[in-house]
PDB file of all heavy atoms in Angstrom:
ATOM      1  N   VAL A   1      19.117 298.597 179.941  1.00  0.00           N
ATOM      2  CA  VAL A   1      19.621 297.891 181.116  1.00  0.00           C
ATOM      3  C   VAL A   1      18.599 297.953 182.242  1.00  0.00           C
ATOM      4  O   VAL A   1      18.307 296.959 182.905  1.00  0.00           O
ATOM      5  CB  VAL A   1      20.973 298.475 181.570  1.00  0.00           C
ATOM      6  CG1 VAL A   1      21.384 297.875 182.922  1.00  0.00           C
ATOM      7  CG2 VAL A   1      22.060 298.188 180.544  1.00  0.00           C
ATOM      8  N   ILE A   2      18.023 299.136 182.448  1.00  0.00           N
ATOM      9  CA  ILE A   2      17.036 299.312 183.511  1.00  0.00           C
ATOM     10  C   ILE A   2      15.837 298.404 183.298  1.00  0.00           C
ATOM     11  O   ILE A   2      15.300 297.811 184.246  1.00  0.00           O
ATOM     12  CB  ILE A   2      16.583 300.785 183.594  1.00  0.00           C
ATOM     13  CG1 ILE A   2      17.741 301.651 184.098  1.00  0.00           C
ATOM     14  CG2 ILE A   2      15.375 300.934 184.515  1.00  0.00           C
ATOM     15  CD1 ILE A   2      17.454 303.130 184.050  1.00  0.00           C
ATOM     16  N   HIS A   3      15.444 298.224 182.047  1.00  0.00           N
ATOM     17  CA  HIS A   3      14.256 297.438 181.746  1.00  0.00           C
ATOM     18  C   HIS A   3      14.570 295.987 181.390  1.00  0.00           C
ATOM     19  O   HIS A   3      13.690 295.240 180.952  1.00  0.00           O
ATOM     20  CB  HIS A   3      13.465 298.094 180.597  1.00  0.00           C
ATOM     21  CG  HIS A   3      12.815 299.386 180.998  1.00  0.00           C
ATOM     22  ND1 HIS A   3      13.488 300.593 180.934  1.00  0.00           N
ATOM     23  CD2 HIS A   3      11.594 299.651 181.511  1.00  0.00           C
ATOM     24  CE1 HIS A   3      12.690 301.555 181.363  1.00  0.00           C
ATOM     25  NE2 HIS A   3      11.537 301.006 181.719  1.00  0.00           N
ATOM     26  N   GLY A   4      15.825 295.591 181.582  1.00  0.00           N
ATOM     27  CA  GLY A   4      16.183 294.188 181.396  1.00  0.00           C
ATOM     28  C   GLY A   4      16.333 293.758 179.962  1.00  0.00           C
ATOM     29  O   GLY A   4      16.394 292.559 179.684  1.00  0.00           O
ATOM     30  N   LYS A   5      16.446 294.693 179.034  1.00  0.00           N
ATOM     31  CA  LYS A   5      16.606 294.345 177.618  1.00  0.00           C
ATOM     32  C   LYS A   5      18.094 294.394 177.272  1.00  0.00           C
ATOM     33  O   LYS A   5      18.588 295.366 176.689  1.00  0.00           O
ATOM     34  CB  LYS A   5      15.805 295.307 176.746  1.00  0.00           C
ATOM     35  CG  LYS A   5      14.304 295.309 177.078  1.00  0.00           C
ATOM     36  CD  LYS A   5      13.565 296.358 176.262  1.00  0.00           C
ATOM     37  CE  LYS A   5      12.071 296.368 176.618  1.00  0.00           C
ATOM     38  NZ  LYS A   5      11.328 297.409 175.873  1.00  0.00           N
ATOM     39  N   THR A   6      18.780 293.333 177.635  1.00  0.00           N
ATOM     40  CA  THR A   6      20.246 293.369 177.557  1.00  0.00           C
ATOM     41  C   THR A   6      20.856 292.372 176.569  1.00  0.00           C
ATOM     42  O   THR A   6      22.067 292.156 176.581  1.00  0.00           O
ATOM     43  CB  THR A   6      20.833 293.087 178.958  1.00  0.00           C
ATOM     44  OG1 THR A   6      20.364 291.817 179.408  1.00  0.00           O
ATOM     45  CG2 THR A   6      20.416 294.156 179.953  1.00  0.00           C
ATOM     46  N   LYS A   7      20.051 291.751 175.730  1.00  0.00           N
ATOM     47  CA  LYS A   7      20.576 290.726 174.819  1.00  0.00           C
ATOM     48  C   LYS A   7      21.650 291.269 173.885  1.00  0.00           C
ATOM     49  O   LYS A   7      22.591 290.563 173.522  1.00  0.00           O
ATOM     50  CB  LYS A   7      19.442 290.112 174.009  1.00  0.00           C
ATOM     51  CG  LYS A   7      18.535 289.190 174.816  1.00  0.00           C
ATOM     52  CD  LYS A   7      17.520 288.502 173.926  1.00  0.00           C
ATOM     53  CE  LYS A   7      16.662 287.526 174.731  1.00  0.00           C
ATOM     54  NZ  LYS A   7      15.667 286.837 173.876  1.00  0.00           N
ATOM     55  N   LYS A   8      21.519 292.534 173.471  1.00  0.00           N
ATOM     56  CA  LYS A   8      22.464 293.120 172.515  1.00  0.00           C
ATOM     57  C   LYS A   8      23.504 294.007 173.197  1.00  0.00           C
ATOM     58  O   LYS A   8      24.223 294.753 172.534  1.00  0.00           O
ATOM     59  CB  LYS A   8      21.698 293.926 171.461  1.00  0.00           C
ATOM     60  CG  LYS A   8      20.761 293.067 170.611  1.00  0.00           C
ATOM     61  CD  LYS A   8      20.069 293.900 169.551  1.00  0.00           C
ATOM     62  CE  LYS A   8      19.143 293.038 168.688  1.00  0.00           C
ATOM     63  NZ  LYS A   8      18.450 293.838 167.639  1.00  0.00           N
ATOM     64  N   ILE A   9      23.570 293.937 174.526  1.00  0.00           N
ATOM     65  CA  ILE A   9      24.519 294.754 175.283  1.00  0.00           C
ATOM     66  C   ILE A   9      25.527 293.828 175.954  1.00  0.00           C
ATOM     67  O   ILE A   9      25.155 292.785 176.494  1.00  0.00           O
ATOM     68  CB  ILE A   9      23.796 295.604 176.361  1.00  0.00           C
ATOM     69  CG1 ILE A   9      22.682 296.432 175.724  1.00  0.00           C
ATOM     70  CG2 ILE A   9      24.782 296.528 177.078  1.00  0.00           C
ATOM     71  CD1 ILE A   9      21.836 297.191 176.734  1.00  0.00           C
ATOM     72  N   SER A  10      26.778 294.188 175.934  1.00  0.00           N
ATOM     73  CA  SER A  10      27.807 293.338 176.526  1.00  0.00           C
ATOM     74  C   SER A  10      27.627 293.242 178.037  1.00  0.00           C
ATOM     75  O   SER A  10      27.109 294.171 178.677  1.00  0.00           O
ATOM     76  CB  SER A  10      29.207 293.897 176.221  1.00  0.00           C
ATOM     77  OG  SER A  10      29.430 295.089 176.938  1.00  0.00           O
ATOM     78  N   ASP A  11      28.076 292.125 178.596  1.00  0.00           N
ATOM     79  CA  ASP A  11      27.982 291.936 180.046  1.00  0.00           C
ATOM     80  C   ASP A  11      28.739 293.027 180.797  1.00  0.00           C
ATOM     81  O   ASP A  11      28.300 293.487 181.856  1.00  0.00           O
ATOM     82  CB  ASP A  11      28.547 290.564 180.441  1.00  0.00           C
ATOM     83  CG  ASP A  11      27.648 289.419 180.004  1.00  0.00           C
ATOM     84  OD1 ASP A  11      26.472 289.673 179.699  1.00  0.00           O
ATOM     85  OD2 ASP A  11      28.132 288.272 179.979  1.00  0.00           O
ATOM     86  N   GLN A  12      29.874 293.453 180.238  1.00  0.00           N
ATOM     87  CA  GLN A  12      30.664 294.483 180.897  1.00  0.00           C
ATOM     88  C   GLN A  12      29.900 295.806 180.965  1.00  0.00           C
ATOM     89  O   GLN A  12      29.888 296.478 182.006  1.00  0.00           O
ATOM     90  CB  GLN A  12      31.986 294.684 180.153  1.00  0.00           C
ATOM     91  CG  GLN A  12      32.898 295.716 180.812  1.00  0.00           C
ATOM     92  CD  GLN A  12      34.201 295.906 180.052  1.00  0.00           C
ATOM     93  OE1 GLN A  12      34.343 295.432 178.924  1.00  0.00           O
ATOM     94  NE2 GLN A  12      35.143 296.605 180.657  1.00  0.00           N
ATOM     95  N   THR A  13      29.246 296.172 179.868  1.00  0.00           N
ATOM     96  CA  THR A  13      28.473 297.415 179.862  1.00  0.00           C
ATOM     97  C   THR A  13      27.289 297.323 180.818  1.00  0.00           C
ATOM     98  O   THR A  13      26.983 298.275 181.544  1.00  0.00           O
ATOM     99  CB  THR A  13      27.970 297.729 178.438  1.00  0.00           C
ATOM    100  OG1 THR A  13      29.106 297.902 177.579  1.00  0.00           O
ATOM    101  CG2 THR A  13      27.131 298.997 178.408  1.00  0.00           C
ATOM    102  N   VAL A  14      26.611 296.176 180.815  1.00  0.00           N
ATOM    103  CA  VAL A  14      25.487 295.975 181.740  1.00  0.00           C
ATOM    104  C   VAL A  14      25.946 296.176 183.176  1.00  0.00           C
ATOM    105  O   VAL A  14      25.294 296.878 183.967  1.00  0.00           O
ATOM    106  CB  VAL A  14      24.881 294.562 181.572  1.00  0.00           C
ATOM    107  CG1 VAL A  14      23.878 294.269 182.692  1.00  0.00           C
ATOM    108  CG2 VAL A  14      24.199 294.429 180.216  1.00  0.00           C
ATOM    109  N   ARG A  15      27.090 295.590 183.503  1.00  0.00           N
ATOM    110  CA  ARG A  15      27.590 295.694 184.868  1.00  0.00           C
ATOM    111  C   ARG A  15      27.942 297.140 185.216  1.00  0.00           C
ATOM    112  O   ARG A  15      27.628 297.621 186.319  1.00  0.00           O
ATOM    113  CB  ARG A  15      28.817 294.802 185.045  1.00  0.00           C
ATOM    114  CG  ARG A  15      29.301 294.728 186.495  1.00  0.00           C
ATOM    115  CD  ARG A  15      30.466 293.768 186.676  1.00  0.00           C
ATOM    116  NE  ARG A  15      31.675 294.260 186.035  1.00  0.00           N
ATOM    117  CZ  ARG A  15      32.158 293.821 184.879  1.00  0.00           C
ATOM    118  NH1 ARG A  15      31.531 292.865 184.229  1.00  0.00           N
ATOM    119  NH2 ARG A  15      33.263 294.329 184.369  1.00  0.00           N
ATOM    120  N   ARG A  16      28.591 297.877 184.275  1.00  0.00           N
ATOM    121  CA  ARG A  16      28.971 299.276 184.534  1.00  0.00           C
ATOM    122  C   ARG A  16      27.736 300.140 184.774  1.00  0.00           C
ATOM    123  O   ARG A  16      27.713 300.965 185.687  1.00  0.00           O
ATOM    124  CB  ARG A  16      29.770 299.816 183.350  1.00  0.00           C
ATOM    125  CG  ARG A  16      31.168 299.231 183.208  1.00  0.00           C
ATOM    126  CD  ARG A  16      31.858 299.772 181.972  1.00  0.00           C
ATOM    127  NE  ARG A  16      31.992 301.225 182.039  1.00  0.00           N
ATOM    128  CZ  ARG A  16      31.812 302.041 181.002  1.00  0.00           C
ATOM    129  NH1 ARG A  16      31.447 301.551 179.813  1.00  0.00           N
ATOM    130  NH2 ARG A  16      31.968 303.340 181.144  1.00  0.00           N
ATOM    131  N   VAL A  17      26.698 299.918 183.966  1.00  0.00           N
ATOM    132  CA  VAL A  17      25.477 300.707 184.118  1.00  0.00           C
ATOM    133  C   VAL A  17      24.805 300.379 185.457  1.00  0.00           C
ATOM    134  O   VAL A  17      24.404 301.287 186.198  1.00  0.00           O
ATOM    135  CB  VAL A  17      24.503 300.438 182.945  1.00  0.00           C
ATOM    136  CG1 VAL A  17      23.142 301.090 183.212  1.00  0.00           C
ATOM    137  CG2 VAL A  17      25.089 300.949 181.639  1.00  0.00           C
ATOM    138  N   GLN A  18      24.712 299.086 185.777  1.00  0.00           N
ATOM    139  CA  GLN A  18      24.063 298.704 187.027  1.00  0.00           C
ATOM    140  C   GLN A  18      24.811 299.236 188.244  1.00  0.00           C
ATOM    141  O   GLN A  18      24.197 299.709 189.213  1.00  0.00           O
ATOM    142  CB  GLN A  18      23.950 297.174 187.107  1.00  0.00           C
ATOM    143  CG  GLN A  18      22.930 296.597 186.135  1.00  0.00           C
ATOM    144  CD  GLN A  18      22.923 295.083 186.145  1.00  0.00           C
ATOM    145  OE1 GLN A  18      23.897 294.456 186.540  1.00  0.00           O
ATOM    146  NE2 GLN A  18      21.829 294.494 185.695  1.00  0.00           N
ATOM    147  N   GLU A  19      26.140 299.184 188.196  1.00  0.00           N
ATOM    148  CA  GLU A  19      26.929 299.682 189.325  1.00  0.00           C
ATOM    149  C   GLU A  19      26.742 301.181 189.519  1.00  0.00           C
ATOM    150  O   GLU A  19      26.630 301.665 190.656  1.00  0.00           O
ATOM    151  CB  GLU A  19      28.410 299.353 189.106  1.00  0.00           C
ATOM    152  CG  GLU A  19      28.730 297.872 189.274  1.00  0.00           C
ATOM    153  CD  GLU A  19      30.170 297.550 188.932  1.00  0.00           C
ATOM    154  OE1 GLU A  19      30.875 298.452 188.405  1.00  0.00           O
ATOM    155  OE2 GLU A  19      30.592 296.400 189.173  1.00  0.00           O
ATOM    156  N   LEU A  20      26.696 301.935 188.421  1.00  0.00           N
ATOM    157  CA  LEU A  20      26.509 303.382 188.554  1.00  0.00           C
ATOM    158  C   LEU A  20      25.089 303.714 188.997  1.00  0.00           C
ATOM    159  O   LEU A  20      24.874 304.641 189.778  1.00  0.00           O
ATOM    160  CB  LEU A  20      26.830 304.075 187.223  1.00  0.00           C
ATOM    161  CG  LEU A  20      26.834 305.615 187.288  1.00  0.00           C
ATOM    162  CD1 LEU A  20      27.809 306.109 188.359  1.00  0.00           C
ATOM    163  CD2 LEU A  20      27.187 306.211 185.932  1.00  0.00           C
ATOM    164  N   LEU A  21      24.119 302.941 188.515  1.00  0.00           N
ATOM    165  CA  LEU A  21      22.743 303.142 188.973  1.00  0.00           C
ATOM    166  C   LEU A  21      22.650 302.963 190.486  1.00  0.00           C
ATOM    167  O   LEU A  21      21.956 303.730 191.183  1.00  0.00           O
ATOM    168  CB  LEU A  21      21.804 302.156 188.266  1.00  0.00           C
ATOM    169  CG  LEU A  21      21.507 302.437 186.788  1.00  0.00           C
ATOM    170  CD1 LEU A  21      20.823 301.240 186.161  1.00  0.00           C
ATOM    171  CD2 LEU A  21      20.658 303.683 186.615  1.00  0.00           C
ATOM    172  N   GLU A  22      23.359 301.978 190.989  1.00  0.00           N
ATOM    173  CA  GLU A  22      23.361 301.761 192.432  1.00  0.00           C
ATOM    174  C   GLU A  22      24.073 302.899 193.151  1.00  0.00           C
ATOM    175  O   GLU A  22      23.594 303.426 194.160  1.00  0.00           O
ATOM    176  CB  GLU A  22      24.033 300.426 192.764  1.00  0.00           C
ATOM    177  CG  GLU A  22      23.247 299.206 192.312  1.00  0.00           C
ATOM    178  CD  GLU A  22      23.931 297.914 192.738  1.00  0.00           C
ATOM    179  OE1 GLU A  22      24.862 297.989 193.570  1.00  0.00           O
ATOM    180  OE2 GLU A  22      23.539 296.852 192.230  1.00  0.00           O
ATOM    181  N   ARG A  23      25.246 303.263 192.624  1.00  0.00           N
ATOM    182  CA  ARG A  23      26.048 304.295 193.277  1.00  0.00           C
ATOM    183  C   ARG A  23      25.336 305.651 193.294  1.00  0.00           C
ATOM    184  O   ARG A  23      25.448 306.404 194.258  1.00  0.00           O
ATOM    185  CB  ARG A  23      27.397 304.404 192.561  1.00  0.00           C
ATOM    186  CG  ARG A  23      28.459 305.101 193.370  1.00  0.00           C
ATOM    187  CD  ARG A  23      29.860 304.758 192.902  1.00  0.00           C
ATOM    188  NE  ARG A  23      30.099 305.120 191.514  1.00  0.00           N
ATOM    189  CZ  ARG A  23      30.336 304.258 190.554  1.00  0.00           C
ATOM    190  NH1 ARG A  23      30.357 302.962 190.807  1.00  0.00           N
ATOM    191  NH2 ARG A  23      30.553 304.662 189.309  1.00  0.00           N
ATOM    192  N   ARG A  24      24.599 305.915 192.242  1.00  0.00           N
ATOM    193  CA  ARG A  24      23.874 307.197 192.148  1.00  0.00           C
ATOM    194  C   ARG A  24      22.455 307.095 192.704  1.00  0.00           C
ATOM    195  O   ARG A  24      21.633 307.965 192.516  1.00  0.00           O
ATOM    196  CB  ARG A  24      23.834 307.661 190.681  1.00  0.00           C
ATOM    197  CG  ARG A  24      25.220 307.944 190.072  1.00  0.00           C
ATOM    198  CD  ARG A  24      25.905 309.133 190.714  1.00  0.00           C
ATOM    199  NE  ARG A  24      25.147 310.347 190.478  1.00  0.00           N
ATOM    200  CZ  ARG A  24      25.237 311.100 189.373  1.00  0.00           C
ATOM    201  NH1 ARG A  24      26.108 310.742 188.420  1.00  0.00           N
ATOM    202  NH2 ARG A  24      24.515 312.183 189.220  1.00  0.00           N
ATOM    203  N   GLN A  25      22.181 305.971 193.390  1.00  0.00           N
ATOM    204  CA  GLN A  25      20.915 305.759 194.097  1.00  0.00           C
ATOM    205  C   GLN A  25      19.707 305.765 193.164  1.00  0.00           C
ATOM    206  O   GLN A  25      18.666 306.336 193.460  1.00  0.00           O
ATOM    207  CB  GLN A  25      20.748 306.805 195.211  1.00  0.00           C
ATOM    208  CG  GLN A  25      21.835 306.710 196.261  1.00  0.00           C
ATOM    209  CD  GLN A  25      21.598 307.642 197.442  1.00  0.00           C
ATOM    210  OE1 GLN A  25      20.709 308.473 197.416  1.00  0.00           O
ATOM    211  NE2 GLN A  25      22.410 307.503 198.468  1.00  0.00           N
ATOM    212  N   TYR A  26      19.870 305.081 192.053  1.00  0.00           N
ATOM    213  CA  TYR A  26      18.757 304.881 191.132  1.00  0.00           C
ATOM    214  C   TYR A  26      18.094 303.529 191.407  1.00  0.00           C
ATOM    215  O   TYR A  26      17.339 303.027 190.627  1.00  0.00           O
ATOM    216  CB  TYR A  26      19.275 304.919 189.689  1.00  0.00           C
ATOM    217  CG  TYR A  26      18.199 305.210 188.657  1.00  0.00           C
ATOM    218  CD1 TYR A  26      17.931 306.503 188.249  1.00  0.00           C
ATOM    219  CD2 TYR A  26      17.462 304.178 188.097  1.00  0.00           C
ATOM    220  CE1 TYR A  26      16.956 306.772 187.302  1.00  0.00           C
ATOM    221  CE2 TYR A  26      16.475 304.433 187.158  1.00  0.00           C
ATOM    222  CZ  TYR A  26      16.235 305.730 186.768  1.00  0.00           C
ATOM    223  OH  TYR A  26      15.260 305.985 185.831  1.00  0.00           O
ATOM    224  N   ILE A  27      18.400 302.925 192.573  1.00  0.00           N
ATOM    225  CA  ILE A  27      17.970 301.565 192.877  1.00  0.00           C
ATOM    226  C   ILE A  27      16.485 301.423 193.183  1.00  0.00           C
ATOM    227  O   ILE A  27      15.873 300.458 192.763  1.00  0.00           O
ATOM    228  CB  ILE A  27      18.802 300.980 194.035  1.00  0.00           C
ATOM    229  CG1 ILE A  27      20.260 300.909 193.593  1.00  0.00           C
ATOM    230  CG2 ILE A  27      18.317 299.619 194.467  1.00  0.00           C
ATOM    231  CD1 ILE A  27      21.203 300.455 194.668  1.00  0.00           C
ATOM    232  N   PRO A  28      15.844 302.344 193.924  1.00  0.00           N
ATOM    233  CA  PRO A  28      14.459 302.104 194.353  1.00  0.00           C
ATOM    234  C   PRO A  28      13.513 301.679 193.252  1.00  0.00           C
ATOM    235  O   PRO A  28      12.727 300.761 193.431  1.00  0.00           O
ATOM    236  CB  PRO A  28      14.050 303.455 194.955  1.00  0.00           C
ATOM    237  CG  PRO A  28      15.336 304.001 195.487  1.00  0.00           C
ATOM    238  CD  PRO A  28      16.374 303.584 194.501  1.00  0.00           C
ATOM    239  N   SER A  29      13.626 302.300 192.090  1.00  0.00           N
ATOM    240  CA  SER A  29      12.745 301.901 190.998  1.00  0.00           C
ATOM    241  C   SER A  29      13.311 300.735 190.214  1.00  0.00           C
ATOM    242  O   SER A  29      12.604 300.065 189.479  1.00  0.00           O
ATOM    243  CB  SER A  29      12.525 303.086 190.045  1.00  0.00           C
ATOM    244  OG  SER A  29      13.758 303.512 189.505  1.00  0.00           O
ATOM    245  N   MET A  30      14.597 300.468 190.402  1.00  0.00           N
ATOM    246  CA  MET A  30      15.262 299.444 189.607  1.00  0.00           C
ATOM    247  C   MET A  30      14.863 298.034 190.036  1.00  0.00           C
ATOM    248  O   MET A  30      14.660 297.150 189.201  1.00  0.00           O
ATOM    249  CB  MET A  30      16.780 299.606 189.727  1.00  0.00           C
ATOM    250  CG  MET A  30      17.573 298.741 188.768  1.00  0.00           C
ATOM    251  SD  MET A  30      19.329 299.062 188.918  1.00  0.00           S
ATOM    252  CE  MET A  30      19.958 297.844 187.771  1.00  0.00           C
ATOM    253  N   ALA A  31      14.745 297.802 191.352  1.00  0.00           N
ATOM    254  CA  ALA A  31      14.447 296.456 191.824  1.00  0.00           C
ATOM    255  C   ALA A  31      13.126 295.943 191.274  1.00  0.00           C
ATOM    256  O   ALA A  31      13.029 294.818 190.778  1.00  0.00           O
ATOM    257  CB  ALA A  31      14.410 296.442 193.350  1.00  0.00           C
ATOM    258  N   GLY A  32      12.105 296.784 191.329  1.00  0.00           N
ATOM    259  CA  GLY A  32      10.800 296.371 190.811  1.00  0.00           C
ATOM    260  C   GLY A  32      10.832 296.136 189.320  1.00  0.00           C
ATOM    261  O   GLY A  32      10.190 295.212 188.805  1.00  0.00           O
ATOM    262  N   ILE A  33      11.575 296.963 188.596  1.00  0.00           N
ATOM    263  CA  ILE A  33      11.672 296.803 187.143  1.00  0.00           C
ATOM    264  C   ILE A  33      12.342 295.483 186.791  1.00  0.00           C
ATOM    265  O   ILE A  33      11.888 294.740 185.921  1.00  0.00           O
ATOM    266  CB  ILE A  33      12.465 297.983 186.532  1.00  0.00           C
ATOM    267  CG1 ILE A  33      11.637 299.267 186.650  1.00  0.00           C
ATOM    268  CG2 ILE A  33      12.808 297.704 185.082  1.00  0.00           C
ATOM    269  CD1 ILE A  33      12.405 300.515 186.283  1.00  0.00           C
ATOM    270  N   LEU A  34      13.430 295.159 187.495  1.00  0.00           N
ATOM    271  CA  LEU A  34      14.127 293.908 187.211  1.00  0.00           C
ATOM    272  C   LEU A  34      13.224 292.703 187.410  1.00  0.00           C
ATOM    273  O   LEU A  34      13.203 291.782 186.599  1.00  0.00           O
ATOM    274  CB  LEU A  34      15.366 293.781 188.105  1.00  0.00           C
ATOM    275  CG  LEU A  34      16.557 294.672 187.752  1.00  0.00           C
ATOM    276  CD1 LEU A  34      17.632 294.535 188.800  1.00  0.00           C
ATOM    277  CD2 LEU A  34      17.102 294.341 186.377  1.00  0.00           C
ATOM    278  N   LEU A  35      12.475 292.713 188.512  1.00  0.00           N
ATOM    279  CA  LEU A  35      11.616 291.580 188.821  1.00  0.00           C
ATOM    280  C   LEU A  35      10.450 291.448 187.850  1.00  0.00           C
ATOM    281  O   LEU A  35       9.871 290.381 187.699  1.00  0.00           O
ATOM    282  CB  LEU A  35      11.082 291.702 190.254  1.00  0.00           C
ATOM    283  CG  LEU A  35      12.138 291.459 191.348  1.00  0.00           C
ATOM    284  CD1 LEU A  35      11.562 291.793 192.711  1.00  0.00           C
ATOM    285  CD2 LEU A  35      12.623 290.025 191.326  1.00  0.00           C
ATOM    286  N   SER A  36      10.082 292.540 187.190  1.00  0.00           N
ATOM    287  CA  SER A  36       8.929 292.513 186.288  1.00  0.00           C
ATOM    288  C   SER A  36       9.297 292.078 184.876  1.00  0.00           C
ATOM    289  O   SER A  36       8.423 291.813 184.061  1.00  0.00           O
ATOM    290  CB  SER A  36       8.275 293.905 186.231  1.00  0.00           C
ATOM    291  OG  SER A  36       9.147 294.824 185.582  1.00  0.00           O
TER     292      SER A  36
END
């Protein structure tokens, strides 16, 4: 999810992981990874 490889992962799981990453402040490195 962090590296954007989500083709085999359900949308619901992707959303749960992203929300927890944000809540646990894993965002600073996440934004750059998503854009890359």
